[in-house]
Amino acid sequence: MGTAFILIKTVPGMERDVYLTLSDLECVLEVHVLYGEHDLIARIGAKDSSDLATILLSTFRTIKGIRDTETLITVDY
């Protein structure tokens, strides 16, 4: 399984809308509000790295209110 944490900066005032949109996505396992440089963090899961790439490029880039993201992809150790 592919897992990634996405640090998200939102358009000011859109934090709640983005949070609710992410919460409704099947691929999003968790979403939390943050204080600091980033507004939200989401943990996503996918069946493999190809599916993970599709989610990151197709799904997250279409969510209204997301200004910037930083993706942290996990690896098995």
N, C-alpha and C. Protein backbone atom coordinates (compact mmCIF):
# COMPACT_ATOMS: atom_id res chain seq x y z
N MET A 1 0.84 -1.18 0.00
CA MET A 1 0.00 0.00 0.00
C MET A 1 0.88 1.24 0.00
N GLY A 2 0.50 2.24 -0.77
CA GLY A 2 1.20 3.52 -0.79
C GLY A 2 0.54 4.49 0.18
N THR A 3 1.35 5.15 0.96
CA THR A 3 0.85 6.12 1.92
C THR A 3 1.62 7.42 1.77
N ALA A 4 0.92 8.53 1.90
CA ALA A 4 1.58 9.83 1.85
C ALA A 4 0.88 10.78 2.81
N PHE A 5 1.66 11.72 3.31
CA PHE A 5 1.12 12.81 4.11
C PHE A 5 1.22 14.06 3.25
N ILE A 6 0.14 14.82 3.19
CA ILE A 6 0.10 16.02 2.37
C ILE A 6 -0.06 17.22 3.29
N LEU A 7 0.93 18.09 3.30
CA LEU A 7 0.84 19.35 4.02
C LEU A 7 0.19 20.36 3.08
N ILE A 8 -0.84 21.04 3.55
CA ILE A 8 -1.67 21.87 2.67
C ILE A 8 -1.75 23.30 3.18
N LYS A 9 -1.55 24.23 2.25
CA LYS A 9 -1.81 25.65 2.50
C LYS A 9 -3.07 25.99 1.70
N THR A 10 -4.02 26.65 2.35
CA THR A 10 -5.27 26.97 1.68
C THR A 10 -5.36 28.47 1.37
N VAL A 11 -6.29 28.79 0.50
CA VAL A 11 -6.64 30.18 0.27
C VAL A 11 -7.26 30.68 1.58
N PRO A 12 -6.87 31.87 2.05
CA PRO A 12 -7.43 32.36 3.31
C PRO A 12 -8.96 32.32 3.31
N GLY A 13 -9.50 31.77 4.38
CA GLY A 13 -10.94 31.65 4.53
C GLY A 13 -11.53 30.38 3.97
N MET A 14 -10.73 29.56 3.27
CA MET A 14 -11.22 28.33 2.63
C MET A 14 -10.84 27.07 3.42
N GLU A 15 -10.24 27.23 4.58
CA GLU A 15 -9.76 26.09 5.35
C GLU A 15 -10.87 25.06 5.61
N ARG A 16 -12.02 25.53 6.07
CA ARG A 16 -13.13 24.62 6.40
C ARG A 16 -13.65 23.89 5.15
N ASP A 17 -13.79 24.62 4.05
CA ASP A 17 -14.28 24.00 2.81
C ASP A 17 -13.33 22.91 2.33
N VAL A 18 -12.03 23.19 2.36
CA VAL A 18 -11.04 22.20 1.94
C VAL A 18 -11.06 21.00 2.89
N TYR A 19 -11.14 21.27 4.18
CA TYR A 19 -11.21 20.21 5.19
C TYR A 19 -12.40 19.28 4.91
N LEU A 20 -13.56 19.85 4.68
CA LEU A 20 -14.77 19.05 4.43
C LEU A 20 -14.66 18.26 3.12
N THR A 21 -14.09 18.88 2.10
CA THR A 21 -13.90 18.18 0.82
C THR A 21 -12.97 16.99 0.99
N LEU A 22 -11.86 17.20 1.68
CA LEU A 22 -10.91 16.11 1.92
C LEU A 22 -11.53 15.00 2.75
N SER A 23 -12.33 15.36 3.74
CA SER A 23 -12.96 14.38 4.62
C SER A 23 -13.89 13.44 3.85
N ASP A 24 -14.44 13.91 2.75
CA ASP A 24 -15.37 13.11 1.94
C ASP A 24 -14.68 12.18 0.94
N LEU A 25 -13.37 12.34 0.75
CA LEU A 25 -12.66 11.52 -0.22
C LEU A 25 -12.30 10.16 0.37
N GLU A 26 -12.57 9.11 -0.37
CA GLU A 26 -12.28 7.75 0.09
C GLU A 26 -10.80 7.51 0.32
N CYS A 27 -9.96 8.13 -0.47
CA CYS A 27 -8.51 7.93 -0.36
C CYS A 27 -7.91 8.62 0.85
N VAL A 28 -8.63 9.58 1.44
CA VAL A 28 -8.11 10.32 2.59
C VAL A 28 -8.44 9.54 3.86
N LEU A 29 -7.40 9.07 4.53
CA LEU A 29 -7.56 8.28 5.74
C LEU A 29 -7.74 9.16 6.97
N GLU A 30 -7.09 10.31 6.97
CA GLU A 30 -7.18 11.28 8.07
C GLU A 30 -6.97 12.67 7.51
N VAL A 31 -7.57 13.65 8.15
CA VAL A 31 -7.29 15.05 7.85
C VAL A 31 -7.37 15.83 9.17
N HIS A 32 -6.40 16.72 9.37
CA HIS A 32 -6.32 17.49 10.61
C HIS A 32 -6.00 18.94 10.31
N VAL A 33 -6.53 19.83 11.15
CA VAL A 33 -6.21 21.26 11.06
C VAL A 33 -4.90 21.50 11.80
N LEU A 34 -4.07 22.36 11.23
CA LEU A 34 -2.78 22.69 11.83
C LEU A 34 -2.69 24.18 12.13
N TYR A 35 -1.84 24.53 13.07
CA TYR A 35 -1.45 25.92 13.30
C TYR A 35 -0.01 26.03 12.85
N GLY A 36 0.31 27.12 12.19
CA GLY A 36 1.68 27.30 11.73
C GLY A 36 1.73 27.57 10.25
N GLU A 37 2.80 27.13 9.63
CA GLU A 37 3.03 27.41 8.21
C GLU A 37 1.99 26.76 7.30
N HIS A 38 1.51 25.59 7.66
CA HIS A 38 0.50 24.88 6.88
C HIS A 38 -0.83 24.90 7.61
N ASP A 39 -1.91 24.81 6.83
CA ASP A 39 -3.26 24.89 7.40
C ASP A 39 -3.85 23.52 7.73
N LEU A 40 -3.53 22.52 6.91
CA LEU A 40 -4.09 21.18 7.06
C LEU A 40 -3.02 20.13 6.78
N ILE A 41 -3.25 18.93 7.30
CA ILE A 41 -2.45 17.77 6.91
C ILE A 41 -3.42 16.63 6.65
N ALA A 42 -3.17 15.91 5.56
CA ALA A 42 -4.01 14.78 5.20
C ALA A 42 -3.12 13.55 5.01
N ARG A 43 -3.61 12.41 5.48
CA ARG A 43 -2.92 11.14 5.23
C ARG A 43 -3.75 10.41 4.21
N ILE A 44 -3.12 10.05 3.10
CA ILE A 44 -3.84 9.33 2.05
C ILE A 44 -3.25 7.95 1.86
N GLY A 45 -4.09 7.05 1.43
CA GLY A 45 -3.66 5.68 1.16
C GLY A 45 -4.07 5.27 -0.24
N ALA A 46 -3.25 4.47 -0.87
CA ALA A 46 -3.51 3.98 -2.22
C ALA A 46 -3.00 2.56 -2.34
N LYS A 47 -3.49 1.83 -3.34
CA LYS A 47 -3.09 0.43 -3.48
C LYS A 47 -1.63 0.27 -3.91
N ASP A 48 -1.10 1.26 -4.64
CA ASP A 48 0.30 1.21 -5.07
C ASP A 48 0.77 2.61 -5.43
N SER A 49 2.02 2.74 -5.82
CA SER A 49 2.59 4.06 -6.11
C SER A 49 1.96 4.72 -7.33
N SER A 50 1.51 3.93 -8.29
CA SER A 50 0.86 4.48 -9.46
C SER A 50 -0.48 5.12 -9.08
N ASP A 51 -1.24 4.42 -8.25
CA ASP A 51 -2.52 4.95 -7.78
C ASP A 51 -2.30 6.20 -6.93
N LEU A 52 -1.25 6.19 -6.15
CA LEU A 52 -0.90 7.33 -5.32
C LEU A 52 -0.62 8.56 -6.19
N ALA A 53 0.13 8.37 -7.26
CA ALA A 53 0.44 9.46 -8.18
C ALA A 53 -0.83 10.01 -8.82
N THR A 54 -1.74 9.13 -9.20
CA THR A 54 -3.00 9.56 -9.80
C THR A 54 -3.80 10.41 -8.81
N ILE A 55 -3.86 9.97 -7.57
CA ILE A 55 -4.59 10.73 -6.54
C ILE A 55 -3.97 12.10 -6.36
N LEU A 56 -2.66 12.16 -6.27
CA LEU A 56 -1.98 13.43 -6.04
C LEU A 56 -2.13 14.39 -7.22
N LEU A 57 -2.00 13.87 -8.42
CA LEU A 57 -2.04 14.73 -9.60
C LEU A 57 -3.45 15.06 -10.07
N SER A 58 -4.36 14.12 -9.94
CA SER A 58 -5.72 14.34 -10.46
C SER A 58 -6.70 14.85 -9.41
N THR A 59 -6.67 14.27 -8.24
CA THR A 59 -7.67 14.62 -7.23
C THR A 59 -7.30 15.88 -6.46
N PHE A 60 -6.13 15.92 -5.88
CA PHE A 60 -5.76 17.05 -5.03
C PHE A 60 -5.62 18.35 -5.81
N ARG A 61 -5.21 18.28 -7.04
CA ARG A 61 -5.01 19.51 -7.83
C ARG A 61 -6.33 20.12 -8.29
N THR A 62 -7.43 19.40 -8.11
CA THR A 62 -8.73 19.93 -8.54
C THR A 62 -9.56 20.47 -7.38
N ILE A 63 -9.06 20.38 -6.16
CA ILE A 63 -9.82 20.84 -4.99
C ILE A 63 -9.72 22.36 -4.87
N LYS A 64 -10.88 23.00 -4.95
CA LYS A 64 -10.94 24.45 -4.86
C LYS A 64 -10.53 24.89 -3.45
N GLY A 65 -9.64 25.86 -3.38
CA GLY A 65 -9.21 26.40 -2.10
C GLY A 65 -7.83 25.96 -1.67
N ILE A 66 -7.26 24.97 -2.36
CA ILE A 66 -5.89 24.56 -2.05
C ILE A 66 -4.94 25.49 -2.80
N ARG A 67 -4.07 26.15 -2.05
CA ARG A 67 -3.11 27.10 -2.63
C ARG A 67 -1.77 26.44 -2.91
N ASP A 68 -1.34 25.54 -2.00
CA ASP A 68 -0.03 24.93 -2.13
C ASP A 68 -0.01 23.63 -1.32
N THR A 69 0.77 22.67 -1.79
CA THR A 69 0.91 21.41 -1.05
C THR A 69 2.37 21.00 -0.98
N GLU A 70 2.66 20.20 0.01
CA GLU A 70 3.97 19.55 0.14
C GLU A 70 3.68 18.09 0.45
N THR A 71 4.17 17.21 -0.39
CA THR A 71 3.86 15.79 -0.28
C THR A 71 5.03 15.03 0.34
N LEU A 72 4.72 14.24 1.35
CA LEU A 72 5.71 13.40 2.02
C LEU A 72 5.27 11.95 1.80
N ILE A 73 5.96 11.25 0.92
CA ILE A 73 5.62 9.86 0.62
C ILE A 73 6.40 8.93 1.53
N THR A 74 5.69 8.00 2.15
CA THR A 74 6.34 7.09 3.07
C THR A 74 6.96 5.92 2.32
N VAL A 75 7.95 5.31 2.94
CA VAL A 75 8.59 4.11 2.40
C VAL A 75 8.66 3.06 3.48
N ASP A 76 8.63 1.81 3.07
CA ASP A 76 8.80 0.72 4.04
C ASP A 76 10.26 0.61 4.39
N TYR A 77 10.54 0.39 5.66
CA TYR A 77 11.92 0.33 6.11
C TYR A 77 12.17 -0.97 6.81
